[in-house]
Amino acid sequence: AITKFDLKTPGREDDDEEAEKKVVLANNNYTEVASAVLAAIGGKENVKDVGYCATRLRFEVKDNTKVDEKAVKAAGAAGIIRPSKNACQVIIGTKVQFVYDELKKML
């Protein structure tokens, strides 16, 4: 039934958006990724602090309701984790340092 009706279950979503975001990161356009992530988390006025680890951008935000998970993923992120009320971690991958460097220029 799932394949007959082409139901969009997890793992069967359309891959157009996924392929597009991988192209952006593959082309090393970190400025574009950083700009899109910043907009998706509510803009620079919503950011209290930002840091990074091996694969994630770690944000402390003022208002967690302004964070748009779909827009974060569309920006090129693999996902988003919300460990606490005012924190969110955007999973970028091993090129996170370059995205972070561009992001800091925007803040």
PDB file of N, CA and C in Angstrom:
ATOM      1  N   ALA A   1       0.823  -1.193   0.000  1.00  0.00           N
ATOM      2  CA  ALA A   1       0.000   0.000   0.000  1.00  0.00           C
ATOM      3  C   ALA A   1       0.868   1.258   0.000  1.00  0.00           C
ATOM      4  N   ILE A   2       1.982   1.198   0.727  1.00  0.00           N
ATOM      5  CA  ILE A   2       2.840   2.380   0.807  1.00  0.00           C
ATOM      6  C   ILE A   2       3.430   2.713  -0.556  1.00  0.00           C
ATOM      7  N   THR A   3       3.939   1.706  -1.260  1.00  0.00           N
ATOM      8  CA  THR A   3       4.529   1.974  -2.572  1.00  0.00           C
ATOM      9  C   THR A   3       3.465   2.219  -3.633  1.00  0.00           C
ATOM     10  N   LYS A   4       2.325   1.561  -3.514  1.00  0.00           N
ATOM     11  CA  LYS A   4       1.258   1.737  -4.498  1.00  0.00           C
ATOM     12  C   LYS A   4       0.756   3.175  -4.506  1.00  0.00           C
ATOM     13  N   PHE A   5       0.539   3.740  -3.305  1.00  0.00           N
ATOM     14  CA  PHE A   5       0.014   5.103  -3.203  1.00  0.00           C
ATOM     15  C   PHE A   5       1.124   6.141  -3.032  1.00  0.00           C
ATOM     16  N   ASP A   6       2.372   5.698  -3.053  1.00  0.00           N
ATOM     17  CA  ASP A   6       3.534   6.575  -2.903  1.00  0.00           C
ATOM     18  C   ASP A   6       3.404   7.464  -1.670  1.00  0.00           C
ATOM     19  N   LEU A   7       3.123   6.838  -0.530  1.00  0.00           N
ATOM     20  CA  LEU A   7       2.990   7.574   0.726  1.00  0.00           C
ATOM     21  C   LEU A   7       4.357   8.052   1.191  1.00  0.00           C
ATOM     22  N   LYS A   8       4.426   9.271   1.675  1.00  0.00           N
ATOM     23  CA  LYS A   8       5.691   9.879   2.084  1.00  0.00           C
ATOM     24  C   LYS A   8       5.998   9.548   3.546  1.00  0.00           C
ATOM     25  N   THR A   9       6.357   8.319   3.792  1.00  0.00           N
ATOM     26  CA  THR A   9       6.751   7.892   5.133  1.00  0.00           C
ATOM     27  C   THR A   9       8.206   8.308   5.363  1.00  0.00           C
ATOM     28  N   PRO A  10       8.677   8.330   6.618  1.00  0.00           N
ATOM     29  CA  PRO A  10      10.073   8.718   6.864  1.00  0.00           C
ATOM     30  C   PRO A  10      11.042   7.878   6.033  1.00  0.00           C
ATOM     31  N   GLY A  11      11.927   8.578   5.346  1.00  0.00           N
ATOM     32  CA  GLY A  11      12.879   7.907   4.473  1.00  0.00           C
ATOM     33  C   GLY A  11      12.415   7.816   3.033  1.00  0.00           C
ATOM     34  N   ARG A  12      11.142   8.161   2.781  1.00  0.00           N
ATOM     35  CA  ARG A  12      10.604   8.093   1.418  1.00  0.00           C
ATOM     36  C   ARG A  12      10.182   9.472   0.911  1.00  0.00           C
ATOM     37  N   GLU A  13      10.640  10.527   1.581  1.00  0.00           N
ATOM     38  CA  GLU A  13      10.270  11.868   1.156  1.00  0.00           C
ATOM     39  C   GLU A  13      10.922  12.179  -0.184  1.00  0.00           C
ATOM     40  N   ASP A  14      10.438  13.238  -0.823  1.00  0.00           N
ATOM     41  CA  ASP A  14      11.050  13.676  -2.070  1.00  0.00           C
ATOM     42  C   ASP A  14      12.469  14.148  -1.787  1.00  0.00           C
ATOM     43  N   ASP A  15      13.405  13.797  -2.652  1.00  0.00           N
ATOM     44  CA  ASP A  15      14.810  14.081  -2.421  1.00  0.00           C
ATOM     45  C   ASP A  15      15.301  15.352  -3.106  1.00  0.00           C
ATOM     46  N   ASP A  16      14.430  16.101  -3.753  1.00  0.00           N
ATOM     47  CA  ASP A  16      14.859  17.300  -4.461  1.00  0.00           C
ATOM     48  C   ASP A  16      15.531  18.287  -3.521  1.00  0.00           C
ATOM     49  N   GLU A  17      14.881  18.574  -2.404  1.00  0.00           N
ATOM     50  CA  GLU A  17      15.403  19.518  -1.426  1.00  0.00           C
ATOM     51  C   GLU A  17      16.705  18.990  -0.826  1.00  0.00           C
ATOM     52  N   GLU A  18      16.754  17.711  -0.540  1.00  0.00           N
ATOM     53  CA  GLU A  18      17.942  17.069   0.034  1.00  0.00           C
ATOM     54  C   GLU A  18      19.129  17.193  -0.920  1.00  0.00           C
ATOM     55  N   ALA A  19      18.913  16.931  -2.183  1.00  0.00           N
ATOM     56  CA  ALA A  19      19.991  17.006  -3.170  1.00  0.00           C
ATOM     57  C   ALA A  19      20.485  18.437  -3.324  1.00  0.00           C
ATOM     58  N   GLU A  20      19.566  19.401  -3.298  1.00  0.00           N
ATOM     59  CA  GLU A  20      19.929  20.797  -3.465  1.00  0.00           C
ATOM     60  C   GLU A  20      20.812  21.286  -2.322  1.00  0.00           C
ATOM     61  N   LYS A  21      20.466  20.928  -1.083  1.00  0.00           N
ATOM     62  CA  LYS A  21      21.257  21.405   0.050  1.00  0.00           C
ATOM     63  C   LYS A  21      22.645  20.774   0.074  1.00  0.00           C
ATOM     64  N   LYS A  22      22.763  19.537  -0.387  1.00  0.00           N
ATOM     65  CA  LYS A  22      24.073  18.895  -0.433  1.00  0.00           C
ATOM     66  C   LYS A  22      24.959  19.576  -1.463  1.00  0.00           C
ATOM     67  N   VAL A  23      24.374  20.072  -2.539  1.00  0.00           N
ATOM     68  CA  VAL A  23      25.133  20.784  -3.559  1.00  0.00           C
ATOM     69  C   VAL A  23      25.708  22.068  -2.974  1.00  0.00           C
ATOM     70  N   VAL A  24      24.928  22.777  -2.153  1.00  0.00           N
ATOM     71  CA  VAL A  24      25.393  24.028  -1.549  1.00  0.00           C
ATOM     72  C   VAL A  24      26.607  23.768  -0.665  1.00  0.00           C
ATOM     73  N   LEU A  25      26.536  22.754   0.196  1.00  0.00           N
ATOM     74  CA  LEU A  25      27.679  22.428   1.051  1.00  0.00           C
ATOM     75  C   LEU A  25      28.846  21.872   0.238  1.00  0.00           C
ATOM     76  N   ALA A  26      28.557  21.105  -0.789  1.00  0.00           N
ATOM     77  CA  ALA A  26      29.616  20.530  -1.621  1.00  0.00           C
ATOM     78  C   ALA A  26      30.369  21.617  -2.384  1.00  0.00           C
ATOM     79  N   ASN A  27      29.678  22.693  -2.742  1.00  0.00           N
ATOM     80  CA  ASN A  27      30.311  23.793  -3.468  1.00  0.00           C
ATOM     81  C   ASN A  27      31.011  24.773  -2.541  1.00  0.00           C
ATOM     82  N   ASN A  28      31.075  24.427  -1.256  1.00  0.00           N
ATOM     83  CA  ASN A  28      31.749  25.256  -0.258  1.00  0.00           C
ATOM     84  C   ASN A  28      31.165  26.663  -0.160  1.00  0.00           C
ATOM     85  N   ASN A  29      29.858  26.792  -0.375  1.00  0.00           N
ATOM     86  CA  ASN A  29      29.209  28.088  -0.246  1.00  0.00           C
ATOM     87  C   ASN A  29      28.736  28.252   1.198  1.00  0.00           C
ATOM     88  N   TYR A  30      29.692  28.415   2.093  1.00  0.00           N
ATOM     89  CA  TYR A  30      29.389  28.463   3.519  1.00  0.00           C
ATOM     90  C   TYR A  30      28.634  29.731   3.907  1.00  0.00           C
ATOM     91  N   THR A  31      28.851  30.818   3.175  1.00  0.00           N
ATOM     92  CA  THR A  31      28.144  32.061   3.463  1.00  0.00           C
ATOM     93  C   THR A  31      26.647  31.877   3.258  1.00  0.00           C
ATOM     94  N   GLU A  32      26.274  31.216   2.178  1.00  0.00           N
ATOM     95  CA  GLU A  32      24.861  30.970   1.889  1.00  0.00           C
ATOM     96  C   GLU A  32      24.234  30.074   2.954  1.00  0.00           C
ATOM     97  N   VAL A  33      24.944  29.034   3.358  1.00  0.00           N
ATOM     98  CA  VAL A  33      24.440  28.121   4.389  1.00  0.00           C
ATOM     99  C   VAL A  33      24.284  28.864   5.710  1.00  0.00           C
ATOM    100  N   ALA A  34      25.298  29.643   6.086  1.00  0.00           N
ATOM    101  CA  ALA A  34      25.255  30.386   7.347  1.00  0.00           C
ATOM    102  C   ALA A  34      24.101  31.380   7.361  1.00  0.00           C
ATOM    103  N   SER A  35      23.894  32.070   6.260  1.00  0.00           N
ATOM    104  CA  SER A  35      22.813  33.046   6.156  1.00  0.00           C
ATOM    105  C   SER A  35      21.445  32.378   6.292  1.00  0.00           C
ATOM    106  N   ALA A  36      21.278  31.246   5.635  1.00  0.00           N
ATOM    107  CA  ALA A  36      20.002  30.528   5.695  1.00  0.00           C
ATOM    108  C   ALA A  36      19.745  29.952   7.083  1.00  0.00           C
ATOM    109  N   VAL A  37      20.783  29.432   7.734  1.00  0.00           N
ATOM    110  CA  VAL A  37      20.627  28.898   9.096  1.00  0.00           C
ATOM    111  C   VAL A  37      20.266  30.023  10.053  1.00  0.00           C
ATOM    112  N   LEU A  38      20.938  31.155   9.929  1.00  0.00           N
ATOM    113  CA  LEU A  38      20.659  32.294  10.801  1.00  0.00           C
ATOM    114  C   LEU A  38      19.216  32.762  10.655  1.00  0.00           C
ATOM    115  N   ALA A  39      18.736  32.848   9.435  1.00  0.00           N
ATOM    116  CA  ALA A  39      17.343  33.241   9.202  1.00  0.00           C
ATOM    117  C   ALA A  39      16.384  32.209   9.790  1.00  0.00           C
ATOM    118  N   ALA A  40      16.732  30.936   9.677  1.00  0.00           N
ATOM    119  CA  ALA A  40      15.855  29.862  10.148  1.00  0.00           C
ATOM    120  C   ALA A  40      15.756  29.794  11.665  1.00  0.00           C
ATOM    121  N   ILE A  41      16.758  30.288  12.367  1.00  0.00           N
ATOM    122  CA  ILE A  41      16.673  30.251  13.831  1.00  0.00           C
ATOM    123  C   ILE A  41      16.118  31.544  14.416  1.00  0.00           C
ATOM    124  N   GLY A  42      15.632  32.416  13.553  1.00  0.00           N
ATOM    125  CA  GLY A  42      14.956  33.620  14.026  1.00  0.00           C
ATOM    126  C   GLY A  42      15.751  34.897  13.855  1.00  0.00           C
ATOM    127  N   GLY A  43      16.838  34.848  13.122  1.00  0.00           N
ATOM    128  CA  GLY A  43      17.637  36.043  12.876  1.00  0.00           C
ATOM    129  C   GLY A  43      18.616  36.334  13.990  1.00  0.00           C
ATOM    130  N   LYS A  44      19.507  37.307  13.736  1.00  0.00           N
ATOM    131  CA  LYS A  44      20.561  37.579  14.714  1.00  0.00           C
ATOM    132  C   LYS A  44      20.022  38.157  16.017  1.00  0.00           C
ATOM    133  N   GLU A  45      18.858  38.788  15.976  1.00  0.00           N
ATOM    134  CA  GLU A  45      18.277  39.323  17.209  1.00  0.00           C
ATOM    135  C   GLU A  45      17.764  38.221  18.137  1.00  0.00           C
ATOM    136  N   ASN A  46      17.621  37.005  17.629  1.00  0.00           N
ATOM    137  CA  ASN A  46      17.168  35.874  18.450  1.00  0.00           C
ATOM    138  C   ASN A  46      18.342  35.073  19.023  1.00  0.00           C
ATOM    139  N   VAL A  47      19.567  35.405  18.641  1.00  0.00           N
ATOM    140  CA  VAL A  47      20.746  34.644  19.077  1.00  0.00           C
ATOM    141  C   VAL A  47      21.390  35.311  20.291  1.00  0.00           C
ATOM    142  N   LYS A  48      21.466  34.565  21.401  1.00  0.00           N
ATOM    143  CA  LYS A  48      22.199  35.047  22.580  1.00  0.00           C
ATOM    144  C   LYS A  48      23.676  34.709  22.454  1.00  0.00           C
ATOM    145  N   ASP A  49      23.960  33.471  22.033  1.00  0.00           N
ATOM    146  CA  ASP A  49      25.336  32.993  21.928  1.00  0.00           C
ATOM    147  C   ASP A  49      25.390  31.877  20.892  1.00  0.00           C
ATOM    148  N   VAL A  50      26.540  31.703  20.294  1.00  0.00           N
ATOM    149  CA  VAL A  50      26.728  30.616  19.334  1.00  0.00           C
ATOM    150  C   VAL A  50      28.143  30.061  19.481  1.00  0.00           C
ATOM    151  N   GLY A  51      28.242  28.760  19.331  1.00  0.00           N
ATOM    152  CA  GLY A  51      29.529  28.072  19.361  1.00  0.00           C
ATOM    153  C   GLY A  51      29.419  26.867  18.443  1.00  0.00           C
ATOM    154  N   TYR A  52      30.456  26.061  18.416  1.00  0.00           N
ATOM    155  CA  TYR A  52      30.376  24.857  17.591  1.00  0.00           C
ATOM    156  C   TYR A  52      31.231  23.756  18.193  1.00  0.00           C
ATOM    157  N   CYS A  53      30.907  22.534  17.814  1.00  0.00           N
ATOM    158  CA  CYS A  53      31.715  21.375  18.189  1.00  0.00           C
ATOM    159  C   CYS A  53      32.105  20.670  16.892  1.00  0.00           C
ATOM    160  N   ALA A  54      32.371  19.401  16.936  1.00  0.00           N
ATOM    161  CA  ALA A  54      32.870  18.676  15.763  1.00  0.00           C
ATOM    162  C   ALA A  54      31.913  18.694  14.575  1.00  0.00           C
ATOM    163  N   THR A  55      30.601  18.634  14.832  1.00  0.00           N
ATOM    164  CA  THR A  55      29.643  18.561  13.724  1.00  0.00           C
ATOM    165  C   THR A  55      28.444  19.489  13.879  1.00  0.00           C
ATOM    166  N   ARG A  56      28.362  20.234  14.972  1.00  0.00           N
ATOM    167  CA  ARG A  56      27.148  21.018  15.240  1.00  0.00           C
ATOM    168  C   ARG A  56      27.435  22.481  15.534  1.00  0.00           C
ATOM    169  N   LEU A  57      26.497  23.319  15.112  1.00  0.00           N
ATOM    170  CA  LEU A  57      26.442  24.699  15.574  1.00  0.00           C
ATOM    171  C   LEU A  57      25.570  24.692  16.819  1.00  0.00           C
ATOM    172  N   ARG A  58      26.057  25.262  17.900  1.00  0.00           N
ATOM    173  CA  ARG A  58      25.314  25.263  19.161  1.00  0.00           C
ATOM    174  C   ARG A  58      24.838  26.683  19.445  1.00  0.00           C
ATOM    175  N   PHE A  59      23.524  26.869  19.399  1.00  0.00           N
ATOM    176  CA  PHE A  59      22.933  28.184  19.613  1.00  0.00           C
ATOM    177  C   PHE A  59      22.258  28.266  20.972  1.00  0.00           C
ATOM    178  N   GLU A  60      22.407  29.418  21.618  1.00  0.00           N
ATOM    179  CA  GLU A  60      21.562  29.770  22.750  1.00  0.00           C
ATOM    180  C   GLU A  60      20.660  30.873  22.211  1.00  0.00           C
ATOM    181  N   VAL A  61      19.350  30.612  22.203  1.00  0.00           N
ATOM    182  CA  VAL A  61      18.401  31.540  21.597  1.00  0.00           C
ATOM    183  C   VAL A  61      17.519  32.187  22.655  1.00  0.00           C
ATOM    184  N   LYS A  62      16.981  33.351  22.320  1.00  0.00           N
ATOM    185  CA  LYS A  62      16.092  34.066  23.235  1.00  0.00           C
ATOM    186  C   LYS A  62      14.697  33.460  23.215  1.00  0.00           C
ATOM    187  N   ASP A  63      14.202  33.111  22.012  1.00  0.00           N
ATOM    188  CA  ASP A  63      12.849  32.574  21.863  1.00  0.00           C
ATOM    189  C   ASP A  63      12.902  31.333  20.969  1.00  0.00           C
ATOM    190  N   ASN A  64      12.757  30.172  21.578  1.00  0.00           N
ATOM    191  CA  ASN A  64      12.854  28.901  20.856  1.00  0.00           C
ATOM    192  C   ASN A  64      11.705  28.702  19.865  1.00  0.00           C
ATOM    193  N   THR A  65      10.595  29.423  20.051  1.00  0.00           N
ATOM    194  CA  THR A  65       9.459  29.268  19.139  1.00  0.00           C
ATOM    195  C   THR A  65       9.737  29.886  17.764  1.00  0.00           C
ATOM    196  N   LYS A  66      10.748  30.738  17.659  1.00  0.00           N
ATOM    197  CA  LYS A  66      11.096  31.363  16.378  1.00  0.00           C
ATOM    198  C   LYS A  66      11.959  30.461  15.502  1.00  0.00           C
ATOM    199  N   VAL A  67      12.422  29.341  16.055  1.00  0.00           N
ATOM    200  CA  VAL A  67      13.278  28.421  15.307  1.00  0.00           C
ATOM    201  C   VAL A  67      12.410  27.558  14.395  1.00  0.00           C
ATOM    202  N   ASP A  68      12.665  27.627  13.094  1.00  0.00           N
ATOM    203  CA  ASP A  68      11.902  26.886  12.090  1.00  0.00           C
ATOM    204  C   ASP A  68      12.710  25.663  11.648  1.00  0.00           C
ATOM    205  N   GLU A  69      12.317  24.485  12.144  1.00  0.00           N
ATOM    206  CA  GLU A  69      13.077  23.258  11.878  1.00  0.00           C
ATOM    207  C   GLU A  69      13.144  22.923  10.390  1.00  0.00           C
ATOM    208  N   LYS A  70      12.042  23.109   9.667  1.00  0.00           N
ATOM    209  CA  LYS A  70      12.043  22.803   8.230  1.00  0.00           C
ATOM    210  C   LYS A  70      13.001  23.721   7.482  1.00  0.00           C
ATOM    211  N   ALA A  71      13.016  24.988   7.858  1.00  0.00           N
ATOM    212  CA  ALA A  71      13.917  25.938   7.206  1.00  0.00           C
ATOM    213  C   ALA A  71      15.374  25.631   7.534  1.00  0.00           C
ATOM    214  N   VAL A  72      15.637  25.160   8.755  1.00  0.00           N
ATOM    215  CA  VAL A  72      17.002  24.775   9.137  1.00  0.00           C
ATOM    216  C   VAL A  72      17.481  23.632   8.254  1.00  0.00           C
ATOM    217  N   LYS A  73      16.629  22.632   8.063  1.00  0.00           N
ATOM    218  CA  LYS A  73      17.001  21.491   7.219  1.00  0.00           C
ATOM    219  C   LYS A  73      17.155  21.918   5.759  1.00  0.00           C
ATOM    220  N   ALA A  74      16.295  22.827   5.304  1.00  0.00           N
ATOM    221  CA  ALA A  74      16.385  23.314   3.931  1.00  0.00           C
ATOM    222  C   ALA A  74      17.666  24.121   3.712  1.00  0.00           C
ATOM    223  N   ALA A  75      18.221  24.667   4.796  1.00  0.00           N
ATOM    224  CA  ALA A  75      19.447  25.463   4.701  1.00  0.00           C
ATOM    225  C   ALA A  75      20.691  24.609   4.482  1.00  0.00           C
ATOM    226  N   GLY A  76      20.556  23.307   4.612  1.00  0.00           N
ATOM    227  CA  GLY A  76      21.699  22.432   4.403  1.00  0.00           C
ATOM    228  C   GLY A  76      22.071  21.613   5.617  1.00  0.00           C
ATOM    229  N   ALA A  77      21.343  21.798   6.712  1.00  0.00           N
ATOM    230  CA  ALA A  77      21.634  21.047   7.932  1.00  0.00           C
ATOM    231  C   ALA A  77      21.059  19.638   7.840  1.00  0.00           C
ATOM    232  N   ALA A  78      21.728  18.706   8.503  1.00  0.00           N
ATOM    233  CA  ALA A  78      21.242  17.329   8.537  1.00  0.00           C
ATOM    234  C   ALA A  78      20.097  17.183   9.525  1.00  0.00           C
ATOM    235  N   GLY A  79      20.012  18.085  10.489  1.00  0.00           N
ATOM    236  CA  GLY A  79      18.948  18.020  11.484  1.00  0.00           C
ATOM    237  C   GLY A  79      19.138  19.071  12.549  1.00  0.00           C
ATOM    238  N   ILE A  80      18.241  19.042  13.529  1.00  0.00           N
ATOM    239  CA  ILE A  80      18.296  19.986  14.634  1.00  0.00           C
ATOM    240  C   ILE A  80      17.909  19.261  15.917  1.00  0.00           C
ATOM    241  N   ILE A  81      18.592  19.602  16.989  1.00  0.00           N
ATOM    242  CA  ILE A  81      18.325  19.016  18.303  1.00  0.00           C
ATOM    243  C   ILE A  81      18.074  20.167  19.266  1.00  0.00           C
ATOM    244  N   ARG A  82      17.093  19.992  20.139  1.00  0.00           N
ATOM    245  CA  ARG A  82      16.780  21.017  21.137  1.00  0.00           C
ATOM    246  C   ARG A  82      16.973  20.431  22.533  1.00  0.00           C
ATOM    247  N   PRO A  83      18.197  20.512  23.077  1.00  0.00           N
ATOM    248  CA  PRO A  83      18.472  19.889  24.373  1.00  0.00           C
ATOM    249  C   PRO A  83      17.842  20.600  25.567  1.00  0.00           C
ATOM    250  N   SER A  84      17.510  21.879  25.420  1.00  0.00           N
ATOM    251  CA  SER A  84      16.863  22.607  26.515  1.00  0.00           C
ATOM    252  C   SER A  84      15.975  23.701  25.937  1.00  0.00           C
ATOM    253  N   LYS A  85      15.312  24.424  26.828  1.00  0.00           N
ATOM    254  CA  LYS A  85      14.335  25.434  26.414  1.00  0.00           C
ATOM    255  C   LYS A  85      14.943  26.512  25.506  1.00  0.00           C
ATOM    256  N   ASN A  86      16.123  26.966  25.824  1.00  0.00           N
ATOM    257  CA  ASN A  86      16.719  28.059  25.055  1.00  0.00           C
ATOM    258  C   ASN A  86      17.965  27.645  24.277  1.00  0.00           C
ATOM    259  N   ALA A  87      18.111  26.361  24.027  1.00  0.00           N
ATOM    260  CA  ALA A  87      19.273  25.891  23.267  1.00  0.00           C
ATOM    261  C   ALA A  87      18.811  25.074  22.069  1.00  0.00           C
ATOM    262  N   CYS A  88      19.539  25.208  20.989  1.00  0.00           N
ATOM    263  CA  CYS A  88      19.306  24.328  19.847  1.00  0.00           C
ATOM    264  C   CYS A  88      20.646  24.059  19.185  1.00  0.00           C
ATOM    265  N   GLN A  89      20.779  22.872  18.665  1.00  0.00           N
ATOM    266  CA  GLN A  89      22.007  22.445  18.002  1.00  0.00           C
ATOM    267  C   GLN A  89      21.665  22.075  16.567  1.00  0.00           C
ATOM    268  N   VAL A  90      22.299  22.744  15.638  1.00  0.00           N
ATOM    269  CA  VAL A  90      22.074  22.505  14.219  1.00  0.00           C
ATOM    270  C   VAL A  90      23.199  21.601  13.713  1.00  0.00           C
ATOM    271  N   ILE A  91      22.830  20.427  13.223  1.00  0.00           N
ATOM    272  CA  ILE A  91      23.814  19.449  12.763  1.00  0.00           C
ATOM    273  C   ILE A  91      24.215  19.778  11.324  1.00  0.00           C
ATOM    274  N   ILE A  92      25.456  20.206  11.157  1.00  0.00           N
ATOM    275  CA  ILE A  92      25.980  20.600   9.850  1.00  0.00           C
ATOM    276  C   ILE A  92      26.854  19.503   9.256  1.00  0.00           C
ATOM    277  N   GLY A  93      27.700  18.923  10.060  1.00  0.00           N
ATOM    278  CA  GLY A  93      28.658  17.927   9.585  1.00  0.00           C
ATOM    279  C   GLY A  93      30.073  18.420   9.820  1.00  0.00           C
ATOM    280  N   THR A  94      31.021  17.791   9.185  1.00  0.00           N
ATOM    281  CA  THR A  94      32.426  18.096   9.452  1.00  0.00           C
ATOM    282  C   THR A  94      32.883  19.456   8.926  1.00  0.00           C
ATOM    283  N   LYS A  95      32.084  20.115   8.114  1.00  0.00           N
ATOM    284  CA  LYS A  95      32.438  21.443   7.604  1.00  0.00           C
ATOM    285  C   LYS A  95      31.855  22.555   8.474  1.00  0.00           C
ATOM    286  N   VAL A  96      31.462  22.211   9.693  1.00  0.00           N
ATOM    287  CA  VAL A  96      30.804  23.158  10.592  1.00  0.00           C
ATOM    288  C   VAL A  96      31.683  24.366  10.902  1.00  0.00           C
ATOM    289  N   GLN A  97      32.980  24.184  11.005  1.00  0.00           N
ATOM    290  CA  GLN A  97      33.875  25.289  11.340  1.00  0.00           C
ATOM    291  C   GLN A  97      33.778  26.413  10.307  1.00  0.00           C
ATOM    292  N   PHE A  98      33.691  26.057   9.033  1.00  0.00           N
ATOM    293  CA  PHE A  98      33.638  27.050   7.973  1.00  0.00           C
ATOM    294  C   PHE A  98      32.296  27.789   7.974  1.00  0.00           C
ATOM    295  N   VAL A  99      31.221  27.064   8.259  1.00  0.00           N
ATOM    296  CA  VAL A  99      29.901  27.689   8.372  1.00  0.00           C
ATOM    297  C   VAL A  99      29.891  28.625   9.578  1.00  0.00           C
ATOM    298  N   TYR A 100      30.480  28.181  10.695  1.00  0.00           N
ATOM    299  CA  TYR A 100      30.559  28.999  11.912  1.00  0.00           C
ATOM    300  C   TYR A 100      31.329  30.296  11.647  1.00  0.00           C
ATOM    301  N   ASP A 101      32.455  30.204  10.956  1.00  0.00           N
ATOM    302  CA  ASP A 101      33.254  31.393  10.659  1.00  0.00           C
ATOM    303  C   ASP A 101      32.439  32.427   9.883  1.00  0.00           C
ATOM    304  N   GLU A 102      31.660  31.975   8.905  1.00  0.00           N
ATOM    305  CA  GLU A 102      30.810  32.886   8.137  1.00  0.00           C
ATOM    306  C   GLU A 102      29.668  33.431   8.994  1.00  0.00           C
ATOM    307  N   LEU A 103      29.133  32.591   9.854  1.00  0.00           N
ATOM    308  CA  LEU A 103      28.035  32.994  10.738  1.00  0.00           C
ATOM    309  C   LEU A 103      28.481  34.091  11.699  1.00  0.00           C
ATOM    310  N   LYS A 104      29.678  33.971  12.253  1.00  0.00           N
ATOM    311  CA  LYS A 104      30.194  34.974  13.194  1.00  0.00           C
ATOM    312  C   LYS A 104      30.333  36.342  12.526  1.00  0.00           C
ATOM    313  N   LYS A 105      30.630  36.367  11.236  1.00  0.00           N
ATOM    314  CA  LYS A 105      30.743  37.636  10.511  1.00  0.00           C
ATOM    315  C   LYS A 105      29.392  38.342  10.421  1.00  0.00           C
ATOM    316  N   MET A 106      28.307  37.559  10.475  1.00  0.00           N
ATOM    317  CA  MET A 106      26.956  38.108  10.329  1.00  0.00           C
ATOM    318  C   MET A 106      26.367  38.592  11.646  1.00  0.00           C
ATOM    319  N   LEU A 107      26.942  38.160  12.759  1.00  0.00           N
ATOM    320  CA  LEU A 107      26.385  38.518  14.074  1.00  0.00           C
ATOM    321  C   LEU A 107      26.981  39.799  14.617  1.00  0.00           C
TER     322      LEU A 107
END
